[in-house]
Protein backbone atom coordinates (compact mmCIF):
# COMPACT_ATOMS: atom_id res chain seq x y z
CA MET A 1 0.00 0.00 0.00
CA ASN A 2 1.34 3.44 -0.96
CA LYS A 3 2.00 5.83 1.92
CA ILE A 4 1.24 9.56 1.88
CA LEU A 5 2.41 12.12 4.46
CA ILE A 6 0.46 15.39 4.85
CA ILE A 7 2.28 18.28 6.58
CA ASP A 8 0.16 21.29 7.55
CA ASP A 9 -0.29 23.27 10.78
CA GLU A 10 -4.03 23.65 10.13
CA GLU A 11 -5.80 20.58 11.49
CA LYS A 12 -8.94 21.05 9.36
CA ILE A 13 -6.89 21.02 6.14
CA ARG A 14 -4.92 17.95 7.25
CA THR A 15 -8.12 16.09 8.13
CA LEU A 16 -9.86 17.02 4.86
CA LEU A 17 -6.91 16.00 2.70
CA SER A 18 -6.47 12.78 4.68
CA ARG A 19 -10.11 11.86 4.10
CA ILE A 20 -9.98 12.62 0.36
CA ILE A 21 -6.71 10.71 -0.17
CA GLY A 22 -7.62 7.86 2.19
CA LEU A 23 -10.74 7.11 0.13
CA GLU A 24 -8.38 6.18 -2.74
CA GLY A 25 -7.01 3.31 -0.65
CA PHE A 26 -3.76 4.96 0.41
CA GLU A 27 -2.29 4.87 3.91
CA VAL A 28 -2.20 8.47 5.13
CA PHE A 29 -0.04 10.01 7.90
CA GLN A 30 -0.24 13.53 9.33
CA ALA A 31 2.28 15.98 10.81
CA SER A 32 1.65 19.51 12.07
CA ASP A 33 5.26 20.72 11.66
CA LEU A 34 8.64 19.79 10.20
CA LYS A 35 9.92 18.23 13.42
CA ASN A 36 7.14 15.64 13.50
CA ALA A 37 7.39 15.18 9.73
CA LYS A 38 11.06 14.21 10.04
CA LYS A 39 10.23 11.63 12.71
CA ARG A 40 7.55 10.10 10.49
CA LEU A 41 9.87 9.97 7.47
CA GLU A 42 12.47 8.10 9.52
CA VAL A 43 10.10 5.32 10.57
CA SER A 44 7.76 4.96 7.56
CA GLU A 45 8.63 4.41 3.93
CA ILE A 46 6.69 7.39 2.57
CA ASP A 47 6.07 7.61 -1.19
CA VAL A 48 4.63 11.13 -1.48
CA VAL A 49 4.73 14.16 0.83
CA ILE A 50 2.07 16.88 0.57
CA SER A 51 3.33 19.90 2.49
CA ASP A 52 2.26 23.45 3.22
CA VAL A 53 4.87 26.06 2.27
CA LYS A 54 4.61 28.08 5.52
CA LEU A 55 5.00 25.97 8.64
CA PRO A 56 5.62 26.91 12.31
CA ASP A 57 9.23 25.73 12.31
CA GLY A 58 10.37 26.33 8.76
CA SER A 59 9.68 26.53 5.04
CA GLY A 60 8.19 23.68 3.06
CA VAL A 61 10.18 24.89 0.03
CA ALA A 62 13.50 24.51 1.87
CA PHE A 63 12.33 21.24 3.46
CA SER A 64 11.64 19.74 0.01
CA LYS A 65 15.37 19.84 -0.75
CA ILE A 66 16.21 18.14 2.55
CA ILE A 67 13.64 15.43 1.80
CA LYS A 68 14.95 14.82 -1.73
CA ASP A 69 18.55 14.64 -0.51
CA GLN A 70 17.69 12.06 2.15
CA PHE A 71 14.94 10.16 0.31
CA PRO A 72 15.60 10.56 -3.44
CA ALA A 73 12.77 8.20 -4.47
CA LEU A 74 10.13 10.21 -2.59
CA GLU A 75 8.11 12.96 -4.36
CA VAL A 76 6.98 16.27 -2.80
CA ILE A 77 3.85 18.28 -3.62
CA LEU A 78 3.82 21.78 -2.11
CA LEU A 79 0.65 23.71 -1.19
CA THR A 80 0.50 27.44 -0.56
CA ALA A 81 -2.26 29.91 0.31
CA TYR A 82 -0.56 32.68 -1.66
CA GLY A 83 1.35 31.42 -4.67
CA ASN A 84 4.23 33.43 -6.07
CA ILE A 85 6.60 32.76 -8.93
CA PRO A 86 9.94 32.91 -7.02
CA ASP A 87 8.75 30.32 -4.48
CA GLY A 88 7.42 28.11 -7.25
CA VAL A 89 10.69 28.28 -9.19
CA GLN A 90 12.74 27.52 -6.07
CA ALA A 91 10.45 24.62 -5.14
CA ILE A 92 11.01 22.97 -8.53
CA LYS A 93 14.77 23.60 -8.26
CA ASN A 94 14.71 21.90 -4.87
CA GLY A 95 13.19 18.80 -6.45
CA ALA A 96 9.49 19.29 -5.67
CA PHE A 97 7.14 17.40 -7.98
CA ASP A 98 4.63 20.26 -8.15
CA TYR A 99 3.62 23.54 -6.50
CA ILE A 100 -0.08 24.42 -6.33
CA THR A 101 -2.30 27.02 -4.68
CA LYS A 102 -4.73 26.00 -1.95
CA GLY A 103 -8.33 26.17 -3.10
CA ASP A 104 -7.46 24.48 -6.38
CA ASP A 105 -6.12 21.46 -4.59
CA ASN A 106 -9.42 19.58 -4.00
CA ASN A 107 -9.86 18.94 -7.74
CA LYS A 108 -6.20 18.60 -8.59
CA ILE A 109 -4.80 16.69 -5.65
CA ILE A 110 -5.87 13.10 -6.49
CA PRO A 111 -4.64 13.11 -10.13
CA LEU A 112 -1.47 14.83 -8.90
CA VAL A 113 -0.89 12.21 -6.21
CA TYR A 114 -1.23 9.40 -8.76
CA LYS A 115 1.28 11.09 -11.06
CA ALA A 116 3.66 11.63 -8.15
CA LEU A 117 3.33 7.95 -7.18
CA GLU A 118 4.22 6.90 -10.72
CA LYS A 119 7.32 9.07 -10.57
CA SER A 120 8.21 7.70 -7.12
CA ALA A 121 7.92 4.11 -8.38
CA LEU A 122 10.18 4.99 -11.32
CA ASN A 123 12.68 6.61 -8.94
CA LYS A 124 12.78 3.44 -6.83
CA ARG A 125 13.40 1.31 -9.91
CA VAL A 126 16.24 3.55 -11.05
CA LEU A 127 17.83 3.50 -7.59
CA GLN A 128 17.52 -0.29 -7.50
CA LEU A 129 19.22 -0.62 -10.89
CA GLU A 130 21.97 1.78 -9.82
CA LYS A 131 22.51 -0.26 -6.67
CA GLN A 132 22.72 -3.47 -8.71
CA LEU A 133 25.20 -1.78 -11.03
CA ASP A 134 27.30 -0.61 -8.10
CA ASN A 135 27.28 -4.13 -6.67
CA LYS A 136 28.19 -5.54 -10.05
CA HIS A 137 31.22 -3.28 -10.22
CA SER A 138 32.35 -3.59 -6.61
CA PHE A 139 35.24 -5.56 -5.15
CA ASP A 140 32.64 -7.91 -3.64
CA ASN A 141 31.94 -9.09 -7.16
CA VAL A 142 35.54 -10.22 -7.72
CA ILE A 143 35.37 -13.98 -7.19
CA GLY A 144 38.16 -15.87 -5.49
CA LYS A 145 39.79 -16.53 -2.14
CA SER A 146 43.27 -17.59 -3.25
CA LYS A 147 46.24 -15.57 -1.97
CA PRO A 148 47.18 -14.00 -5.35
CA ILE A 149 43.71 -12.58 -6.02
CA ARG A 150 43.14 -11.49 -2.40
CA PHE A 151 46.45 -9.60 -2.47
CA ALA A 152 45.40 -7.83 -5.69
CA ILE A 153 41.99 -6.93 -4.21
CA ASP A 154 43.48 -5.63 -0.96
CA SER A 155 45.98 -3.48 -2.90
CA ALA A 156 43.22 -2.10 -5.15
CA LYS A 157 41.04 -1.22 -2.15
CA LYS A 158 43.88 0.75 -0.57
CA VAL A 159 44.64 2.80 -3.68
CA ALA A 160 40.96 3.30 -4.62
CA VAL A 161 40.38 5.96 -1.93
CA THR A 162 43.26 8.05 -3.29
CA ASP A 163 43.62 9.89 -6.60
CA ALA A 164 46.82 8.03 -7.54
CA THR A 165 47.28 6.81 -11.11
CA VAL A 166 47.08 3.01 -11.26
CA LEU A 167 48.72 0.56 -13.68
CA LEU A 168 47.09 -2.88 -13.92
CA ASN A 169 49.37 -5.60 -15.27
CA GLY A 170 48.06 -8.97 -16.33
CA GLU A 171 47.40 -11.35 -19.18
CA THR A 172 44.38 -10.96 -21.43
CA GLY A 173 41.21 -12.12 -19.70
CA THR A 174 42.38 -11.66 -16.10
CA GLY A 175 39.74 -9.01 -15.33
CA LYS A 176 41.60 -5.72 -15.67
CA GLU A 177 38.49 -3.71 -16.58
CA VAL A 178 36.56 -5.30 -13.68
CA PHE A 179 39.28 -4.07 -11.31
CA ALA A 180 39.38 -0.62 -12.92
CA GLN A 181 35.61 -0.19 -12.53
CA ALA A 182 35.74 -1.41 -8.91
CA ILE A 183 38.53 1.05 -8.09
CA HIS A 184 36.47 3.87 -9.59
CA ASN A 185 33.31 2.86 -7.70
CA ALA A 186 35.22 2.76 -4.41
CA SER A 187 36.75 6.21 -4.99
CA ASN A 188 35.47 9.72 -4.25
CA ARG A 189 34.89 10.08 -8.02
CA ALA A 190 32.24 7.34 -8.08
CA ARG A 191 29.36 9.76 -8.73
CA PHE A 192 31.11 10.98 -11.88
CA GLY A 193 31.76 9.12 -15.11
CA PHE A 194 33.87 6.05 -15.75
CA VAL A 195 34.92 5.84 -19.40
CA ALA A 196 36.96 2.99 -20.87
CA VAL A 197 38.82 2.84 -24.17
CA ASN A 198 40.90 0.06 -25.71
CA CYS A 199 43.97 1.72 -27.20
CA SER A 200 44.56 -1.21 -29.58
CA ALA A 201 41.10 -0.92 -31.15
CA PHE A 202 41.73 2.34 -33.07
CA SER A 203 44.12 3.74 -35.62
CA LYS A 204 46.32 6.64 -34.43
CA GLU A 205 44.01 9.30 -35.91
CA LEU A 206 40.81 7.75 -34.59
CA LEU A 207 42.32 7.18 -31.14
CA GLU A 208 43.45 10.80 -30.90
CA ASN A 209 39.96 12.00 -31.78
CA GLU A 210 38.39 9.45 -29.37
CA LEU A 211 40.56 10.61 -26.47
CA PHE A 212 40.77 14.36 -27.04
CA GLY A 213 37.89 15.33 -29.36
CA HIS A 214 38.08 17.91 -32.14
CA LYS A 215 37.09 21.42 -33.17
CA ALA A 216 34.66 22.10 -35.98
CA GLY A 217 36.53 22.19 -39.31
CA ALA A 218 39.51 20.22 -37.99
CA PHE A 219 39.06 17.71 -40.82
CA THR A 220 36.61 16.88 -43.59
CA GLY A 221 33.27 16.02 -42.04
CA ALA A 222 33.97 17.75 -38.70
CA MET A 223 30.85 19.92 -38.80
CA LYS A 224 30.80 20.79 -35.08
CA ASP A 225 32.90 20.60 -31.95
CA SER A 226 33.14 17.15 -30.42
CA LYS A 227 34.12 16.15 -26.90
CA GLY A 228 36.65 13.39 -26.37
CA ILE A 229 36.75 10.80 -23.60
CA PHE A 230 38.84 12.97 -21.28
CA GLU A 231 36.32 15.81 -21.47
CA GLU A 232 33.35 13.45 -21.10
CA ALA A 233 34.91 11.91 -17.98
CA ASN A 234 35.79 15.22 -16.31
CA ASN A 235 35.96 14.71 -12.51
CA GLY A 236 35.67 10.97 -13.09
CA THR A 237 37.96 8.17 -14.26
CA VAL A 238 39.44 7.25 -17.64
CA PHE A 239 40.47 3.62 -18.11
CA LEU A 240 43.10 3.16 -20.84
CA ASP A 241 43.21 -0.54 -21.68
CA GLU A 242 46.18 -1.90 -23.64
CA ILE A 243 48.11 1.34 -23.14
CA GLY A 244 51.21 -0.37 -24.52
CA GLU A 245 49.59 -0.16 -27.97
CA MET A 246 49.30 3.66 -27.88
CA PRO A 247 51.34 5.45 -30.61
CA LEU A 248 54.34 7.48 -29.35
CA ASP A 249 53.03 10.92 -30.34
CA LEU A 250 49.75 10.27 -28.49
CA GLN A 251 51.78 9.14 -25.49
CA ALA A 252 53.23 12.67 -25.42
CA LYS A 253 49.73 14.17 -25.31
CA LEU A 254 48.74 11.77 -22.54
CA LEU A 255 51.84 12.77 -20.57
CA ARG A 256 50.72 16.40 -20.76
CA VAL A 257 47.30 15.46 -19.36
CA LEU A 258 48.98 13.69 -16.44
CA GLU A 259 51.36 16.58 -15.75
CA SER A 260 49.11 19.60 -16.24
CA GLY A 261 45.52 18.34 -16.72
CA GLU A 262 45.49 20.00 -20.15
CA PHE A 263 45.32 18.81 -23.75
CA LEU A 264 44.68 20.20 -27.21
CA LYS A 265 41.69 19.00 -29.17
CA VAL A 266 42.33 18.07 -32.81
CA GLY A 267 42.38 21.35 -34.74
CA ASP A 268 42.36 23.55 -31.62
CA SER A 269 45.00 26.04 -30.43
CA LYS A 270 43.50 26.64 -27.01
CA PRO A 271 44.09 23.98 -24.34
CA THR A 272 41.17 22.25 -22.63
CA LYS A 273 41.46 21.74 -18.87
CA VAL A 274 40.20 18.56 -17.19
CA ASN A 275 40.39 16.84 -13.83
CA VAL A 276 40.45 13.07 -14.35
CA ARG A 277 41.96 10.03 -12.72
CA ILE A 278 43.73 7.64 -15.06
CA ILE A 279 43.80 3.88 -14.65
CA ALA A 280 45.89 2.14 -17.30
CA ALA A 281 46.23 -1.55 -18.13
CA THR A 282 48.56 -3.65 -20.23
CA ASN A 283 49.48 -7.26 -20.93
CA ARG A 284 52.89 -6.20 -22.23
CA ASP A 285 56.18 -5.74 -20.39
CA LEU A 286 56.47 -1.96 -20.66
CA GLN A 287 60.12 -2.01 -19.58
CA THR A 288 60.89 -4.15 -22.63
CA GLU A 289 58.79 -1.83 -24.80
CA ILE A 290 60.85 1.12 -23.51
CA GLU A 291 64.07 -0.63 -24.50
CA LYS A 292 62.62 -1.25 -27.98
CA GLY A 293 61.68 2.42 -28.29
CA ASN A 294 57.95 1.70 -28.39
CA PHE A 295 57.02 3.33 -25.09
CA ARG A 296 58.08 6.58 -23.42
CA GLU A 297 60.05 6.10 -20.24
CA ASP A 298 58.77 9.36 -18.71
CA LEU A 299 55.17 8.27 -19.33
CA PHE A 300 55.88 4.87 -17.77
CA TYR A 301 57.00 6.47 -14.52
CA ARG A 302 53.89 8.70 -14.46
CA ILE A 303 51.43 5.81 -14.90
CA ASN A 304 53.37 3.32 -12.75
CA ILE A 305 52.77 5.16 -9.47
CA PHE A 306 50.78 2.21 -8.12
CA ASN A 307 51.18 -1.12 -9.89
CA ILE A 308 48.77 -4.03 -9.36
CA ILE A 309 49.54 -7.42 -10.90
CA LEU A 310 46.44 -9.49 -11.68
CA PRO A 311 47.22 -13.22 -11.45
CA SER A 312 46.57 -15.58 -14.34
CA LEU A 313 43.97 -18.29 -13.78
CA ARG A 314 46.65 -21.02 -13.79
CA ASP A 315 48.23 -19.20 -10.81
CA ARG A 316 44.97 -19.35 -8.87
CA THR A 317 43.55 -22.77 -9.71
CA ALA A 318 42.02 -22.98 -6.22
CA ASP A 319 39.46 -20.39 -7.42
CA ILE A 320 38.36 -22.41 -10.47
CA PRO A 321 35.52 -24.35 -8.73
CA GLU A 322 33.99 -21.12 -7.36
CA LEU A 323 34.35 -19.30 -10.69
CA ALA A 324 32.91 -22.26 -12.60
CA GLN A 325 29.92 -22.47 -10.24
CA TYR A 326 29.30 -18.71 -10.62
CA PHE A 327 29.25 -18.96 -14.43
CA LEU A 328 27.14 -22.14 -14.27
CA ILE A 329 24.39 -20.40 -12.29
CA LYS A 330 24.60 -17.30 -14.49
CA PHE A 331 24.24 -19.15 -17.80
CA SER A 332 21.73 -21.70 -16.49
CA GLN A 333 19.43 -18.82 -15.54
CA LYS A 334 20.07 -17.01 -18.82
CA ILE A 335 19.38 -20.06 -21.00
CA GLY A 336 16.59 -21.41 -18.82
CA LYS A 337 18.14 -24.70 -17.71
CA LYS A 338 18.14 -26.25 -14.24
CA ILE A 339 21.79 -27.27 -14.03
CA ARG A 340 23.07 -26.62 -10.51
CA SER A 341 26.22 -28.74 -10.05
CA ILE A 342 29.45 -29.78 -11.75
CA ALA A 343 30.90 -33.30 -11.87
CA ASP A 344 34.18 -33.80 -9.98
CA ASP A 345 36.02 -35.15 -13.04
CA TYR A 346 34.84 -32.10 -15.01
CA LEU A 347 36.43 -29.82 -12.38
CA GLU A 348 39.64 -31.87 -12.37
CA ILE A 349 40.02 -31.27 -16.10
CA LEU A 350 39.47 -27.53 -15.60
CA LYS A 351 42.19 -27.42 -12.95
CA LYS A 352 44.73 -29.04 -15.30
CA HIS A 353 43.98 -26.81 -18.30
CA PRO A 354 46.63 -24.10 -19.06
CA TRP A 355 44.00 -21.31 -19.46
CA LYS A 356 45.76 -19.09 -21.96
CA GLY A 357 42.57 -17.04 -22.17
CA ASN A 358 42.18 -16.93 -18.38
CA ILE A 359 38.75 -16.14 -16.86
CA ARG A 360 37.33 -15.14 -20.24
CA GLU A 361 38.17 -18.58 -21.63
CA LEU A 362 36.66 -20.31 -18.58
CA ARG A 363 33.49 -18.23 -18.97
CA ASN A 364 33.15 -19.28 -22.62
CA ILE A 365 33.71 -22.98 -21.85
CA ILE A 366 31.07 -23.01 -19.09
CA GLU A 367 28.56 -21.23 -21.35
CA ARG A 368 29.20 -23.80 -24.10
CA SER A 369 28.81 -26.67 -21.64
CA VAL A 370 25.51 -25.31 -20.31
CA ILE A 371 24.16 -25.07 -23.87
CA LEU A 372 25.19 -28.67 -24.69
CA GLU A 373 24.45 -30.38 -21.37
CA GLU A 374 21.25 -32.47 -21.35
CA THR A 375 21.34 -33.57 -17.70
CA ASN A 376 21.17 -31.57 -14.46
CA ILE A 377 24.94 -31.74 -13.86
CA LEU A 378 27.83 -30.55 -16.03
CA SER A 379 29.66 -33.64 -17.29
CA ILE A 380 32.84 -34.24 -19.29
CA ASP A 381 30.74 -34.93 -22.39
CA SER A 382 29.80 -31.22 -22.60
CA LEU A 383 33.44 -30.08 -22.61
CA PRO A 384 35.21 -29.09 -25.85
CA PHE A 385 36.84 -32.06 -27.61
CA ASP A 386 40.43 -30.97 -26.87
CA LEU A 387 39.72 -30.88 -23.11
CA GLN A 388 38.10 -34.32 -23.30
CA GLN A 389 41.26 -35.61 -24.98
CA THR A 390 43.33 -34.29 -22.09
CA SER A 391 41.22 -36.38 -19.75
CA LEU A 392 41.51 -39.49 -21.94
CA ALA A 393 45.28 -39.12 -22.23
CA ASP A 394 45.62 -38.76 -18.44
CA ASN A 395 43.52 -41.86 -17.78
CA THR A 396 45.37 -43.90 -20.42
CA ASN A 397 48.81 -42.95 -19.15
CA LYS A 398 47.92 -44.27 -15.72
CA THR A 399 47.36 -47.83 -16.98
CA LEU A 400 48.55 -48.14 -20.58
CA SER A 401 51.44 -46.92 -22.68
CA ALA A 402 50.38 -44.16 -25.04
CA PHE A 403 52.24 -46.00 -27.81
CA SER A 404 50.68 -49.42 -27.26
CA MET A 405 47.91 -50.78 -29.49
CA ALA A 406 45.75 -51.31 -26.39
CA GLY A 407 46.22 -47.68 -25.35
CA ALA A 408 45.27 -46.43 -28.80
CA GLU A 409 42.25 -48.75 -28.87
CA LYS A 410 41.03 -47.51 -25.50
CA ILE A 411 41.25 -43.87 -26.62
CA HIS A 412 39.42 -44.67 -29.86
CA ILE A 413 36.59 -46.49 -28.07
CA GLN A 414 36.22 -43.63 -25.55
CA LYS A 415 36.09 -41.08 -28.39
CA THR A 416 33.35 -43.07 -30.10
CA LEU A 417 31.31 -43.37 -26.91
CA ASN A 418 31.65 -39.62 -26.35
CA TYR A 419 30.47 -39.03 -29.92
CA THR A 420 27.39 -41.25 -29.43
CA LYS A 421 26.74 -39.73 -25.98
CA GLY A 422 27.08 -43.15 -24.35
CA ASN A 423 24.87 -45.06 -26.83
CA LYS A 424 26.74 -48.39 -26.87
CA ALA A 425 24.72 -49.95 -29.70
CA GLU A 426 25.51 -46.99 -31.97
CA ALA A 427 29.15 -47.02 -30.84
CA ALA A 428 29.47 -50.72 -31.67
CA ARG A 429 28.01 -50.07 -35.14
CA LEU A 430 30.48 -47.25 -35.82
CA LEU A 431 33.39 -49.33 -34.50
CA GLU A 432 32.21 -52.25 -36.66
CA ILE A 433 32.34 -54.70 -33.74
CA GLY A 434 29.69 -56.69 -31.92
CA ILE A 435 27.92 -55.20 -28.90
CA ALA A 436 29.26 -58.06 -26.71
CA THR A 437 32.82 -57.25 -27.84
CA LEU A 438 32.30 -53.61 -26.98
CA TYR A 439 31.08 -54.45 -23.47
CA ARG A 440 34.07 -56.74 -22.96
CA LYS A 441 36.52 -54.03 -24.01
CA ILE A 442 34.77 -51.45 -21.80
CA ASP A 443 35.33 -53.76 -18.84
CA GLU A 444 38.88 -54.61 -19.90
CA TYR A 445 39.97 -50.98 -20.28
CA ARG A 446 37.81 -49.78 -17.38
CA ILE A 447 36.14 -47.18 -19.55
CA SER A 448 33.59 -45.17 -17.58
């Protein structure tokens, strides 16, 4: 049930409005002054406040700003006996939903309350989505309890509350952008923009325009001024992924931003001033790139103020079961399947895999398995063929020589059974042997 709070020092008006609004099925509360109104707001989840402008202990116009600051989803309707334009303008600036004159309110109030409730419901939805987004991009969303990842998280939390430039080092797929977003969300710049750009995704000219923007007439087709990422993210954070791919002359412009907070737009002669925090990331050894002449040494020392190394997945194999379970639940819900667990032998294969693509590769494999799996548990049969072969080779090496005829036969029979999804009659047909022979060889080679 929606809750309405009426604030007015005149009891007759409060009672009348309460009766009118209560007949619509709303729960109505009353307060004769701001002091009592504050108490009610603290204990009840009010959706709409209807307040007089002139109250014994303050102004309803000023109070509307206090309400909106503390309860952003709530909407405020202000009533006044003597309407004037300055008060009305200030009320709207303070976040009031509407400002009406008493006397007109009996006809207008119910439609207005319904409109205010619609806006309040929308506000709550937006706040909920923002909260989900914040949670999604928080350190709590970084999965893993192994020492390497906990050390990286603890380091990132410490630097997040500062304005220091951060360099994230790690292989592709280790979650550098996840960390960058979490650092931003834990900083005092969180209410401003976070803008990410992959420096390897653009040519030199396009990257310069993407980062710094341009003035009208700077090149053919530049009909008007355009803001770049640095200007768009003013007071926020810019994440420069794959910074090792940035051309040398753009590195010089970036160095100027770091040193003075200024840059020149393409085609401009007047510098633009910005206040941004830079988080950079690379999978390259920048010291080696400096020696090769591909990266500026002075820029390296400006971005390497605080270095965080993100561990590869093969260096944190203890986290694989938790990560796999997270992706399993995510993709099961997305695809609409009821797969809730993972077979032990499936997990053992994951732990032995080299994971050149790191978490991104694991994510893709789990998604593929969820699509293919026909039971309620992820099994080896849903793994890519090359991972299944790893399992077969491991099992064979334990009992048979990889070069023996028996070892080769066992692998071939297991491949065929995987292909037929365990259908032994079909496997026997493809192998061109009798079903009894197949069963005998399954027992002999202990094929599961």
